[in-house]
Amino acid sequence: NNIPAFDMEVIESLKEMVGEEMVISVFEDFEKEAIEQINNTKAAYKNQNVSEIQKELHTLKGNSGTIGLMRIHEITKNIEVPAKVGDLTGFEDKIKALDAEFEYFTNNYRTLF
C-alpha cells in the first residue's frame, strides 16, 4: 500500500487558505472526534449495528479526506462502503489497521507544522 499518510498538497493549501494555527486546531479537533467515532464504531460492531458503523465512518471518511489524511480515508472507506450493504467482512482486521493508522497520525501530525 503506497498511499502516503499525509497529502502534503492538501495540507499546504489548507495552510495557505486559513493559516497554520487554524490547520493545527482542525487537526486537533479531528483527533478528538476520530477517537470517539472509532470507539463508537467498535461498540456498534459488538452490537452488529451496521447502520451505526456506516454513520460513524461516513463522517470520519469525509473529514479525513478533507484534511488530507489519505490512509485513514482509504481504510475507513474500505469498511464504510461495504457496511452500506451490511457487509462487515474482515471488519476486525480493517479496524486494527485503522487503529494503527490513527496512532501513526496522532504521533506524527505535529511534525507537519
PDB file of N, CA and C in Angstrom:
ATOM      1  N   ASN A   1       0.850  -1.194   0.000  1.00  0.00           N
ATOM      2  CA  ASN A   1       0.000   0.000   0.000  1.00  0.00           C
ATOM      3  C   ASN A   1       0.888   1.247   0.000  1.00  0.00           C
ATOM      4  N   ASN A   2       0.936   1.936  -1.120  1.00  0.00           N
ATOM      5  CA  ASN A   2       1.855   3.066  -1.267  1.00  0.00           C
ATOM      6  C   ASN A   2       1.198   4.414  -1.020  1.00  0.00           C
ATOM      7  N   ILE A   3       0.017   4.395  -0.425  1.00  0.00           N
ATOM      8  CA  ILE A   3      -0.654   5.661  -0.174  1.00  0.00           C
ATOM      9  C   ILE A   3       0.064   6.372   0.967  1.00  0.00           C
ATOM     10  N   PRO A   4       0.449   7.649   0.762  1.00  0.00           N
ATOM     11  CA  PRO A   4       1.072   8.366   1.883  1.00  0.00           C
ATOM     12  C   PRO A   4       0.050   8.667   2.983  1.00  0.00           C
ATOM     13  N   ALA A   5       0.525   8.763   4.219  1.00  0.00           N
ATOM     14  CA  ALA A   5      -0.377   9.079   5.338  1.00  0.00           C
ATOM     15  C   ALA A   5      -0.960  10.476   5.173  1.00  0.00           C
ATOM     16  N   PHE A   6      -0.098  11.404   4.760  1.00  0.00           N
ATOM     17  CA  PHE A   6      -0.495  12.809   4.662  1.00  0.00           C
ATOM     18  C   PHE A   6      -0.372  13.290   3.218  1.00  0.00           C
ATOM     19  N   ASP A   7      -1.418  13.885   2.708  1.00  0.00           N
ATOM     20  CA  ASP A   7      -1.352  14.523   1.395  1.00  0.00           C
ATOM     21  C   ASP A   7      -0.872  15.953   1.610  1.00  0.00           C
ATOM     22  N   MET A   8       0.430  16.171   1.386  1.00  0.00           N
ATOM     23  CA  MET A   8       1.020  17.467   1.709  1.00  0.00           C
ATOM     24  C   MET A   8       0.469  18.594   0.840  1.00  0.00           C
ATOM     25  N   GLU A   9       0.038  18.278  -0.363  1.00  0.00           N
ATOM     26  CA  GLU A   9      -0.556  19.317  -1.211  1.00  0.00           C
ATOM     27  C   GLU A   9      -1.826  19.862  -0.575  1.00  0.00           C
ATOM     28  N   VAL A  10      -2.660  18.954  -0.099  1.00  0.00           N
ATOM     29  CA  VAL A  10      -3.904  19.351   0.556  1.00  0.00           C
ATOM     30  C   VAL A  10      -3.592  20.169   1.814  1.00  0.00           C
ATOM     31  N   ILE A  11      -2.651  19.679   2.608  1.00  0.00           N
ATOM     32  CA  ILE A  11      -2.326  20.332   3.874  1.00  0.00           C
ATOM     33  C   ILE A  11      -1.710  21.710   3.638  1.00  0.00           C
ATOM     34  N   GLU A  12      -0.819  21.816   2.652  1.00  0.00           N
ATOM     35  CA  GLU A  12      -0.216  23.117   2.328  1.00  0.00           C
ATOM     36  C   GLU A  12      -1.277  24.110   1.847  1.00  0.00           C
ATOM     37  N   SER A  13      -2.214  23.628   1.038  1.00  0.00           N
ATOM     38  CA  SER A  13      -3.234  24.558   0.550  1.00  0.00           C
ATOM     39  C   SER A  13      -4.189  24.976   1.674  1.00  0.00           C
ATOM     40  N   LEU A  14      -4.441  24.087   2.629  1.00  0.00           N
ATOM     41  CA  LEU A  14      -5.216  24.473   3.814  1.00  0.00           C
ATOM     42  C   LEU A  14      -4.475  25.553   4.604  1.00  0.00           C
ATOM     43  N   LYS A  15      -3.161  25.368   4.769  1.00  0.00           N
ATOM     44  CA  LYS A  15      -2.350  26.361   5.492  1.00  0.00           C
ATOM     45  C   LYS A  15      -2.451  27.722   4.802  1.00  0.00           C
ATOM     46  N   GLU A  16      -2.372  27.703   3.466  1.00  0.00           N
ATOM     47  CA  GLU A  16      -2.450  28.961   2.716  1.00  0.00           C
ATOM     48  C   GLU A  16      -3.825  29.615   2.877  1.00  0.00           C
ATOM     49  N   MET A  17      -4.861  28.799   2.903  1.00  0.00           N
ATOM     50  CA  MET A  17      -6.219  29.331   2.993  1.00  0.00           C
ATOM     51  C   MET A  17      -6.539  29.912   4.362  1.00  0.00           C
ATOM     52  N   VAL A  18      -6.231  29.147   5.424  1.00  0.00           N
ATOM     53  CA  VAL A  18      -6.706  29.557   6.750  1.00  0.00           C
ATOM     54  C   VAL A  18      -5.584  29.844   7.749  1.00  0.00           C
ATOM     55  N   GLY A  19      -4.351  29.554   7.358  1.00  0.00           N
ATOM     56  CA  GLY A  19      -3.220  29.783   8.254  1.00  0.00           C
ATOM     57  C   GLY A  19      -2.876  28.554   9.076  1.00  0.00           C
ATOM     58  N   GLU A  20      -1.615  28.468   9.439  1.00  0.00           N
ATOM     59  CA  GLU A  20      -1.095  27.282  10.112  1.00  0.00           C
ATOM     60  C   GLU A  20      -1.793  27.004  11.449  1.00  0.00           C
ATOM     61  N   GLU A  21      -1.971  28.051  12.264  1.00  0.00           N
ATOM     62  CA  GLU A  21      -2.605  27.871  13.581  1.00  0.00           C
ATOM     63  C   GLU A  21      -3.977  27.206  13.446  1.00  0.00           C
ATOM     64  N   MET A  22      -4.732  27.679  12.477  1.00  0.00           N
ATOM     65  CA  MET A  22      -6.082  27.169  12.254  1.00  0.00           C
ATOM     66  C   MET A  22      -6.030  25.697  11.826  1.00  0.00           C
ATOM     67  N   VAL A  23      -5.072  25.369  10.975  1.00  0.00           N
ATOM     68  CA  VAL A  23      -4.957  23.987  10.498  1.00  0.00           C
ATOM     69  C   VAL A  23      -4.576  23.060  11.668  1.00  0.00           C
ATOM     70  N   ILE A  24      -3.683  23.521  12.526  1.00  0.00           N
ATOM     71  CA  ILE A  24      -3.316  22.732  13.708  1.00  0.00           C
ATOM     72  C   ILE A  24      -4.565  22.466  14.547  1.00  0.00           C
ATOM     73  N   SER A  25      -5.360  23.496  14.731  1.00  0.00           N
ATOM     74  CA  SER A  25      -6.583  23.370  15.520  1.00  0.00           C
ATOM     75  C   SER A  25      -7.569  22.397  14.864  1.00  0.00           C
ATOM     76  N   VAL A  26      -7.652  22.432  13.548  1.00  0.00           N
ATOM     77  CA  VAL A  26      -8.514  21.499  12.801  1.00  0.00           C
ATOM     78  C   VAL A  26      -8.043  20.058  13.019  1.00  0.00           C
ATOM     79  N   PHE A  27      -6.727  19.850  12.980  1.00  0.00           N
ATOM     80  CA  PHE A  27      -6.167  18.519  13.193  1.00  0.00           C
ATOM     81  C   PHE A  27      -6.438  18.025  14.616  1.00  0.00           C
ATOM     82  N   GLU A  28      -6.319  18.939  15.579  1.00  0.00           N
ATOM     83  CA  GLU A  28      -6.585  18.565  16.980  1.00  0.00           C
ATOM     84  C   GLU A  28      -8.055  18.185  17.166  1.00  0.00           C
ATOM     85  N   ASP A  29      -8.946  18.954  16.562  1.00  0.00           N
ATOM     86  CA  ASP A  29     -10.376  18.637  16.633  1.00  0.00           C
ATOM     87  C   ASP A  29     -10.668  17.305  15.954  1.00  0.00           C
ATOM     88  N   PHE A  30     -10.037  17.098  14.803  1.00  0.00           N
ATOM     89  CA  PHE A  30     -10.209  15.825  14.090  1.00  0.00           C
ATOM     90  C   PHE A  30      -9.787  14.673  14.994  1.00  0.00           C
ATOM     91  N   GLU A  31      -8.649  14.834  15.666  1.00  0.00           N
ATOM     92  CA  GLU A  31      -8.131  13.773  16.530  1.00  0.00           C
ATOM     93  C   GLU A  31      -9.156  13.408  17.608  1.00  0.00           C
ATOM     94  N   LYS A  32      -9.704  14.424  18.293  1.00  0.00           N
ATOM     95  CA  LYS A  32     -10.705  14.185  19.348  1.00  0.00           C
ATOM     96  C   LYS A  32     -11.940  13.486  18.798  1.00  0.00           C
ATOM     97  N   GLU A  33     -12.440  13.990  17.679  1.00  0.00           N
ATOM     98  CA  GLU A  33     -13.658  13.421  17.092  1.00  0.00           C
ATOM     99  C   GLU A  33     -13.420  12.005  16.589  1.00  0.00           C
ATOM    100  N   ALA A  34     -12.265  11.778  15.998  1.00  0.00           N
ATOM    101  CA  ALA A  34     -11.963  10.465  15.431  1.00  0.00           C
ATOM    102  C   ALA A  34     -11.894   9.398  16.524  1.00  0.00           C
ATOM    103  N   ILE A  35     -11.323   9.754  17.669  1.00  0.00           N
ATOM    104  CA  ILE A  35     -11.269   8.798  18.793  1.00  0.00           C
ATOM    105  C   ILE A  35     -12.683   8.331  19.120  1.00  0.00           C
ATOM    106  N   GLU A  36     -13.587   9.299  19.215  1.00  0.00           N
ATOM    107  CA  GLU A  36     -14.977   8.992  19.526  1.00  0.00           C
ATOM    108  C   GLU A  36     -15.625   8.148  18.421  1.00  0.00           C
ATOM    109  N   GLN A  37     -15.393   8.542  17.169  1.00  0.00           N
ATOM    110  CA  GLN A  37     -16.004   7.829  16.045  1.00  0.00           C
ATOM    111  C   GLN A  37     -15.494   6.393  15.957  1.00  0.00           C
ATOM    112  N   ILE A  38     -14.209   6.198  16.193  1.00  0.00           N
ATOM    113  CA  ILE A  38     -13.639   4.842  16.139  1.00  0.00           C
ATOM    114  C   ILE A  38     -14.192   3.999  17.294  1.00  0.00           C
ATOM    115  N   ASN A  39     -14.255   4.593  18.490  1.00  0.00           N
ATOM    116  CA  ASN A  39     -14.815   3.857  19.637  1.00  0.00           C
ATOM    117  C   ASN A  39     -16.285   3.516  19.415  1.00  0.00           C
ATOM    118  N   ASN A  40     -17.051   4.461  18.892  1.00  0.00           N
ATOM    119  CA  ASN A  40     -18.466   4.211  18.592  1.00  0.00           C
ATOM    120  C   ASN A  40     -18.618   3.109  17.550  1.00  0.00           C
ATOM    121  N   THR A  41     -17.709   3.094  16.585  1.00  0.00           N
ATOM    122  CA  THR A  41     -17.736   2.071  15.533  1.00  0.00           C
ATOM    123  C   THR A  41     -17.504   0.685  16.131  1.00  0.00           C
ATOM    124  N   LYS A  42     -16.534   0.588  17.040  1.00  0.00           N
ATOM    125  CA  LYS A  42     -16.247  -0.700  17.680  1.00  0.00           C
ATOM    126  C   LYS A  42     -17.438  -1.173  18.520  1.00  0.00           C
ATOM    127  N   ALA A  43     -18.058  -0.236  19.237  1.00  0.00           N
ATOM    128  CA  ALA A  43     -19.231  -0.574  20.051  1.00  0.00           C
ATOM    129  C   ALA A  43     -20.372  -1.043  19.152  1.00  0.00           C
ATOM    130  N   ALA A  44     -20.547  -0.348  18.031  1.00  0.00           N
ATOM    131  CA  ALA A  44     -21.611  -0.712  17.080  1.00  0.00           C
ATOM    132  C   ALA A  44     -21.354  -2.101  16.496  1.00  0.00           C
ATOM    133  N   TYR A  45     -20.087  -2.412  16.276  1.00  0.00           N
ATOM    134  CA  TYR A  45     -19.743  -3.741  15.743  1.00  0.00           C
ATOM    135  C   TYR A  45     -20.112  -4.832  16.749  1.00  0.00           C
ATOM    136  N   LYS A  46     -19.813  -4.593  18.010  1.00  0.00           N
ATOM    137  CA  LYS A  46     -20.185  -5.553  19.064  1.00  0.00           C
ATOM    138  C   LYS A  46     -21.683  -5.833  19.031  1.00  0.00           C
ATOM    139  N   ASN A  47     -22.463  -4.784  18.757  1.00  0.00           N
ATOM    140  CA  ASN A  47     -23.932  -4.925  18.698  1.00  0.00           C
ATOM    141  C   ASN A  47     -24.430  -5.271  17.299  1.00  0.00           C
ATOM    142  N   GLN A  48     -23.496  -5.494  16.377  1.00  0.00           N
ATOM    143  CA  GLN A  48     -23.841  -5.771  14.970  1.00  0.00           C
ATOM    144  C   GLN A  48     -24.794  -4.709  14.406  1.00  0.00           C
ATOM    145  N   ASN A  49     -24.527  -3.459  14.778  1.00  0.00           N
ATOM    146  CA  ASN A  49     -25.347  -2.346  14.311  1.00  0.00           C
ATOM    147  C   ASN A  49     -24.689  -1.719  13.078  1.00  0.00           C
ATOM    148  N   VAL A  50     -25.025  -2.281  11.931  1.00  0.00           N
ATOM    149  CA  VAL A  50     -24.361  -1.900  10.685  1.00  0.00           C
ATOM    150  C   VAL A  50     -24.619  -0.440  10.334  1.00  0.00           C
ATOM    151  N   SER A  51     -25.844   0.034  10.561  1.00  0.00           N
ATOM    152  CA  SER A  51     -26.158   1.415  10.169  1.00  0.00           C
ATOM    153  C   SER A  51     -25.378   2.420  11.026  1.00  0.00           C
ATOM    154  N   GLU A  52     -25.136   2.068  12.281  1.00  0.00           N
ATOM    155  CA  GLU A  52     -24.337   2.929  13.161  1.00  0.00           C
ATOM    156  C   GLU A  52     -22.876   2.954  12.705  1.00  0.00           C
ATOM    157  N   ILE A  53     -22.349   1.808  12.347  1.00  0.00           N
ATOM    158  CA  ILE A  53     -20.977   1.730  11.819  1.00  0.00           C
ATOM    159  C   ILE A  53     -20.851   2.631  10.598  1.00  0.00           C
ATOM    160  N   GLN A  54     -21.812   2.489   9.715  1.00  0.00           N
ATOM    161  CA  GLN A  54     -21.792   3.240   8.468  1.00  0.00           C
ATOM    162  C   GLN A  54     -21.855   4.745   8.753  1.00  0.00           C
ATOM    163  N   LYS A  55     -22.709   5.141   9.681  1.00  0.00           N
ATOM    164  CA  LYS A  55     -22.888   6.558  10.013  1.00  0.00           C
ATOM    165  C   LYS A  55     -21.609   7.151  10.596  1.00  0.00           C
ATOM    166  N   GLU A  56     -21.023   6.461  11.569  1.00  0.00           N
ATOM    167  CA  GLU A  56     -19.803   6.968  12.216  1.00  0.00           C
ATOM    168  C   GLU A  56     -18.659   7.083  11.205  1.00  0.00           C
ATOM    169  N   LEU A  57     -18.506   6.049  10.383  1.00  0.00           N
ATOM    170  CA  LEU A  57     -17.366   6.021   9.462  1.00  0.00           C
ATOM    171  C   LEU A  57     -17.571   6.940   8.270  1.00  0.00           C
ATOM    172  N   HIS A  58     -18.815   7.208   7.926  1.00  0.00           N
ATOM    173  CA  HIS A  58     -19.087   8.127   6.825  1.00  0.00           C
ATOM    174  C   HIS A  58     -18.503   9.503   7.159  1.00  0.00           C
ATOM    175  N   THR A  59     -18.726   9.933   8.391  1.00  0.00           N
ATOM    176  CA  THR A  59     -18.207  11.227   8.854  1.00  0.00           C
ATOM    177  C   THR A  59     -16.683  11.213   8.903  1.00  0.00           C
ATOM    178  N   LEU A  60     -16.131  10.147   9.474  1.00  0.00           N
ATOM    179  CA  LEU A  60     -14.675  10.027   9.580  1.00  0.00           C
ATOM    180  C   LEU A  60     -14.027  10.017   8.196  1.00  0.00           C
ATOM    181  N   LYS A  61     -14.662   9.299   7.274  1.00  0.00           N
ATOM    182  CA  LYS A  61     -14.146   9.222   5.903  1.00  0.00           C
ATOM    183  C   LYS A  61     -14.108  10.612   5.269  1.00  0.00           C
ATOM    184  N   GLY A  62     -15.207  11.334   5.403  1.00  0.00           N
ATOM    185  CA  GLY A  62     -15.286  12.681   4.822  1.00  0.00           C
ATOM    186  C   GLY A  62     -14.275  13.628   5.434  1.00  0.00           C
ATOM    187  N   ASN A  63     -14.221  13.651   6.763  1.00  0.00           N
ATOM    188  CA  ASN A  63     -13.318  14.571   7.451  1.00  0.00           C
ATOM    189  C   ASN A  63     -11.851  14.271   7.153  1.00  0.00           C
ATOM    190  N   SER A  64     -11.487  12.992   7.172  1.00  0.00           N
ATOM    191  CA  SER A  64     -10.085  12.634   6.927  1.00  0.00           C
ATOM    192  C   SER A  64      -9.687  12.984   5.494  1.00  0.00           C
ATOM    193  N   GLY A  65     -10.611  12.789   4.553  1.00  0.00           N
ATOM    194  CA  GLY A  65     -10.330  13.137   3.161  1.00  0.00           C
ATOM    195  C   GLY A  65     -10.122  14.627   2.980  1.00  0.00           C
ATOM    196  N   THR A  66     -10.948  15.413   3.648  1.00  0.00           N
ATOM    197  CA  THR A  66     -10.897  16.872   3.518  1.00  0.00           C
ATOM    198  C   THR A  66      -9.571  17.444   3.986  1.00  0.00           C
ATOM    199  N   ILE A  67      -8.994  16.851   5.045  1.00  0.00           N
ATOM    200  CA  ILE A  67      -7.750  17.414   5.582  1.00  0.00           C
ATOM    201  C   ILE A  67      -6.510  16.636   5.139  1.00  0.00           C
ATOM    202  N   GLY A  68      -6.673  15.764   4.153  1.00  0.00           N
ATOM    203  CA  GLY A  68      -5.510  15.150   3.518  1.00  0.00           C
ATOM    204  C   GLY A  68      -4.934  13.934   4.226  1.00  0.00           C
ATOM    205  N   LEU A  69      -5.749  13.265   5.021  1.00  0.00           N
ATOM    206  CA  LEU A  69      -5.267  12.046   5.690  1.00  0.00           C
ATOM    207  C   LEU A  69      -5.618  10.842   4.829  1.00  0.00           C
ATOM    208  N   MET A  70      -4.755  10.578   3.864  1.00  0.00           N
ATOM    209  CA  MET A  70      -5.111   9.661   2.782  1.00  0.00           C
ATOM    210  C   MET A  70      -5.292   8.223   3.249  1.00  0.00           C
ATOM    211  N   ARG A  71      -4.422   7.766   4.148  1.00  0.00           N
ATOM    212  CA  ARG A  71      -4.530   6.359   4.562  1.00  0.00           C
ATOM    213  C   ARG A  71      -5.734   6.133   5.467  1.00  0.00           C
ATOM    214  N   ILE A  72      -5.979   7.057   6.407  1.00  0.00           N
ATOM    215  CA  ILE A  72      -7.179   6.940   7.247  1.00  0.00           C
ATOM    216  C   ILE A  72      -8.416   6.946   6.354  1.00  0.00           C
ATOM    217  N   HIS A  73      -8.428   7.843   5.372  1.00  0.00           N
ATOM    218  CA  HIS A  73      -9.552   7.940   4.443  1.00  0.00           C
ATOM    219  C   HIS A  73      -9.779   6.621   3.707  1.00  0.00           C
ATOM    220  N   GLU A  74      -8.702   6.054   3.214  1.00  0.00           N
ATOM    221  CA  GLU A  74      -8.776   4.817   2.427  1.00  0.00           C
ATOM    222  C   GLU A  74      -9.258   3.630   3.278  1.00  0.00           C
ATOM    223  N   ILE A  75      -8.663   3.473   4.464  1.00  0.00           N
ATOM    224  CA  ILE A  75      -9.042   2.365   5.350  1.00  0.00           C
ATOM    225  C   ILE A  75     -10.507   2.499   5.756  1.00  0.00           C
ATOM    226  N   THR A  76     -10.896   3.731   6.089  1.00  0.00           N
ATOM    227  CA  THR A  76     -12.281   3.984   6.505  1.00  0.00           C
ATOM    228  C   THR A  76     -13.251   3.659   5.385  1.00  0.00           C
ATOM    229  N   LYS A  77     -12.882   4.071   4.173  1.00  0.00           N
ATOM    230  CA  LYS A  77     -13.726   3.792   3.000  1.00  0.00           C
ATOM    231  C   LYS A  77     -13.892   2.284   2.806  1.00  0.00           C
ATOM    232  N   ASN A  78     -12.813   1.525   3.058  1.00  0.00           N
ATOM    233  CA  ASN A  78     -12.856   0.067   2.884  1.00  0.00           C
ATOM    234  C   ASN A  78     -13.766  -0.635   3.889  1.00  0.00           C
ATOM    235  N   ILE A  79     -14.082   0.042   4.991  1.00  0.00           N
ATOM    236  CA  ILE A  79     -15.055  -0.516   5.946  1.00  0.00           C
ATOM    237  C   ILE A  79     -16.444   0.039   5.646  1.00  0.00           C
ATOM    238  N   GLU A  80     -16.498   1.344   5.409  1.00  0.00           N
ATOM    239  CA  GLU A  80     -17.782   2.046   5.307  1.00  0.00           C
ATOM    240  C   GLU A  80     -18.578   1.655   4.065  1.00  0.00           C
ATOM    241  N   VAL A  81     -17.915   1.550   2.929  1.00  0.00           N
ATOM    242  CA  VAL A  81     -18.639   1.257   1.685  1.00  0.00           C
ATOM    243  C   VAL A  81     -19.324  -0.119   1.737  1.00  0.00           C
ATOM    244  N   PRO A  82     -18.608  -1.209   2.109  1.00  0.00           N
ATOM    245  CA  PRO A  82     -19.305  -2.498   2.240  1.00  0.00           C
ATOM    246  C   PRO A  82     -20.378  -2.483   3.345  1.00  0.00           C
ATOM    247  N   ALA A  83     -20.141  -1.706   4.419  1.00  0.00           N
ATOM    248  CA  ALA A  83     -21.106  -1.654   5.531  1.00  0.00           C
ATOM    249  C   ALA A  83     -22.462  -1.132   5.063  1.00  0.00           C
ATOM    250  N   LYS A  84     -22.435  -0.281   4.022  1.00  0.00           N
ATOM    251  CA  LYS A  84     -23.694   0.253   3.469  1.00  0.00           C
ATOM    252  C   LYS A  84     -24.642  -0.864   3.062  1.00  0.00           C
ATOM    253  N   VAL A  85     -24.075  -1.970   2.603  1.00  0.00           N
ATOM    254  CA  VAL A  85     -24.914  -3.098   2.191  1.00  0.00           C
ATOM    255  C   VAL A  85     -24.853  -4.234   3.220  1.00  0.00           C
ATOM    256  N   GLY A  86     -24.423  -3.891   4.444  1.00  0.00           N
ATOM    257  CA  GLY A  86     -24.438  -4.865   5.535  1.00  0.00           C
ATOM    258  C   GLY A  86     -23.284  -5.835   5.525  1.00  0.00           C
ATOM    259  N   ASP A  87     -22.244  -5.534   4.750  1.00  0.00           N
ATOM    260  CA  ASP A  87     -21.102  -6.441   4.641  1.00  0.00           C
ATOM    261  C   ASP A  87     -19.991  -5.991   5.589  1.00  0.00           C
ATOM    262  N   LEU A  88     -19.752  -6.796   6.626  1.00  0.00           N
ATOM    263  CA  LEU A  88     -18.684  -6.477   7.584  1.00  0.00           C
ATOM    264  C   LEU A  88     -17.526  -7.464   7.497  1.00  0.00           C
ATOM    265  N   THR A  89     -17.330  -8.039   6.329  1.00  0.00           N
ATOM    266  CA  THR A  89     -16.232  -8.994   6.120  1.00  0.00           C
ATOM    267  C   THR A  89     -14.896  -8.355   6.477  1.00  0.00           C
ATOM    268  N   GLY A  90     -14.108  -9.060   7.275  1.00  0.00           N
ATOM    269  CA  GLY A  90     -12.767  -8.583   7.619  1.00  0.00           C
ATOM    270  C   GLY A  90     -12.770  -7.358   8.508  1.00  0.00           C
ATOM    271  N   PHE A  91     -13.904  -7.075   9.144  1.00  0.00           N
ATOM    272  CA  PHE A  91     -14.023  -5.854   9.951  1.00  0.00           C
ATOM    273  C   PHE A  91     -12.906  -5.752  10.990  1.00  0.00           C
ATOM    274  N   GLU A  92     -12.641  -6.851  11.689  1.00  0.00           N
ATOM    275  CA  GLU A  92     -11.675  -6.781  12.793  1.00  0.00           C
ATOM    276  C   GLU A  92     -10.269  -6.427  12.316  1.00  0.00           C
ATOM    277  N   ASP A  93      -9.862  -7.009  11.188  1.00  0.00           N
ATOM    278  CA  ASP A  93      -8.545  -6.662  10.626  1.00  0.00           C
ATOM    279  C   ASP A  93      -8.515  -5.218  10.154  1.00  0.00           C
ATOM    280  N   LYS A  94      -9.605  -4.797   9.528  1.00  0.00           N
ATOM    281  CA  LYS A  94      -9.651  -3.427   8.999  1.00  0.00           C
ATOM    282  C   LYS A  94      -9.646  -2.402  10.129  1.00  0.00           C
ATOM    283  N   ILE A  95     -10.346  -2.715  11.217  1.00  0.00           N
ATOM    284  CA  ILE A  95     -10.378  -1.760  12.333  1.00  0.00           C
ATOM    285  C   ILE A  95      -9.020  -1.723  13.029  1.00  0.00           C
ATOM    286  N   LYS A  96      -8.299  -2.859  13.043  1.00  0.00           N
ATOM    287  CA  LYS A  96      -6.924  -2.869  13.569  1.00  0.00           C
ATOM    288  C   LYS A  96      -6.036  -1.963  12.726  1.00  0.00           C
ATOM    289  N   ALA A  97      -6.207  -2.054  11.422  1.00  0.00           N
ATOM    290  CA  ALA A  97      -5.428  -1.205  10.514  1.00  0.00           C
ATOM    291  C   ALA A  97      -5.770   0.267  10.749  1.00  0.00           C
ATOM    292  N   LEU A  98      -7.046   0.541  10.987  1.00  0.00           N
ATOM    293  CA  LEU A  98      -7.471   1.922  11.254  1.00  0.00           C
ATOM    294  C   LEU A  98      -6.863   2.418  12.564  1.00  0.00           C
ATOM    295  N   ASP A  99      -6.892   1.586  13.591  1.00  0.00           N
ATOM    296  CA  ASP A  99      -6.284   1.950  14.877  1.00  0.00           C
ATOM    297  C   ASP A  99      -4.802   2.280  14.707  1.00  0.00           C
ATOM    298  N   ALA A 100      -4.099   1.419  13.978  1.00  0.00           N
ATOM    299  CA  ALA A 100      -2.658   1.603  13.779  1.00  0.00           C
ATOM    300  C   ALA A 100      -2.387   2.892  13.008  1.00  0.00           C
ATOM    301  N   GLU A 101      -3.183   3.138  11.995  1.00  0.00           N
ATOM    302  CA  GLU A 101      -3.012   4.336  11.172  1.00  0.00           C
ATOM    303  C   GLU A 101      -3.353   5.591  11.967  1.00  0.00           C
ATOM    304  N   PHE A 102      -4.402   5.500  12.784  1.00  0.00           N
ATOM    305  CA  PHE A 102      -4.791   6.643  13.611  1.00  0.00           C
ATOM    306  C   PHE A 102      -3.696   6.957  14.627  1.00  0.00           C
ATOM    307  N   GLU A 103      -3.088   5.909  15.177  1.00  0.00           N
ATOM    308  CA  GLU A 103      -1.979   6.103  16.114  1.00  0.00           C
ATOM    309  C   GLU A 103      -0.802   6.783  15.410  1.00  0.00           C
ATOM    310  N   TYR A 104      -0.534   6.351  14.179  1.00  0.00           N
ATOM    311  CA  TYR A 104       0.536   6.980  13.389  1.00  0.00           C
ATOM    312  C   TYR A 104       0.234   8.468  13.188  1.00  0.00           C
ATOM    313  N   PHE A 105      -1.001   8.754  12.816  1.00  0.00           N
ATOM    314  CA  PHE A 105      -1.441  10.146  12.637  1.00  0.00           C
ATOM    315  C   PHE A 105      -1.204  10.950  13.919  1.00  0.00           C
ATOM    316  N   THR A 106      -1.696  10.431  15.042  1.00  0.00           N
ATOM    317  CA  THR A 106      -1.611  11.115  16.339  1.00  0.00           C
ATOM    318  C   THR A 106      -0.154  11.412  16.713  1.00  0.00           C
ATOM    319  N   ASN A 107       0.718  10.445  16.443  1.00  0.00           N
ATOM    320  CA  ASN A 107       2.131  10.601  16.817  1.00  0.00           C
ATOM    321  C   ASN A 107       2.904  11.512  15.868  1.00  0.00           C
ATOM    322  N   ASN A 108       2.378  11.734  14.670  1.00  0.00           N
ATOM    323  CA  ASN A 108       3.186  12.429  13.663  1.00  0.00           C
ATOM    324  C   ASN A 108       2.641  13.736  13.106  1.00  0.00           C
ATOM    325  N   TYR A 109       1.365  14.018  13.313  1.00  0.00           N
ATOM    326  CA  TYR A 109       0.841  15.201  12.600  1.00  0.00           C
ATOM    327  C   TYR A 109       1.465  16.509  13.046  1.00  0.00           C
ATOM    328  N   ARG A 110       1.912  16.564  14.296  1.00  0.00           N
ATOM    329  CA  ARG A 110       2.510  17.831  14.762  1.00  0.00           C
ATOM    330  C   ARG A 110       3.836  18.145  14.069  1.00  0.00           C
ATOM    331  N   THR A 111       4.461  17.122  13.498  1.00  0.00           N
ATOM    332  CA  THR A 111       5.730  17.350  12.790  1.00  0.00           C
ATOM    333  C   THR A 111       5.504  18.084  11.461  1.00  0.00           C
ATOM    334  N   LEU A 112       4.253  18.194  11.023  1.00  0.00           N
ATOM    335  CA  LEU A 112       3.972  18.858   9.755  1.00  0.00           C
ATOM    336  C   LEU A 112       3.960  20.373   9.904  1.00  0.00           C
ATOM    337  N   PHE A 113       4.000  20.855  11.141  1.00  0.00           N
ATOM    338  CA  PHE A 113       3.818  22.302  11.371  1.00  0.00           C
ATOM    339  C   PHE A 113       5.056  22.945  11.970  1.00  0.00           C
TER     340      PHE A 113
END
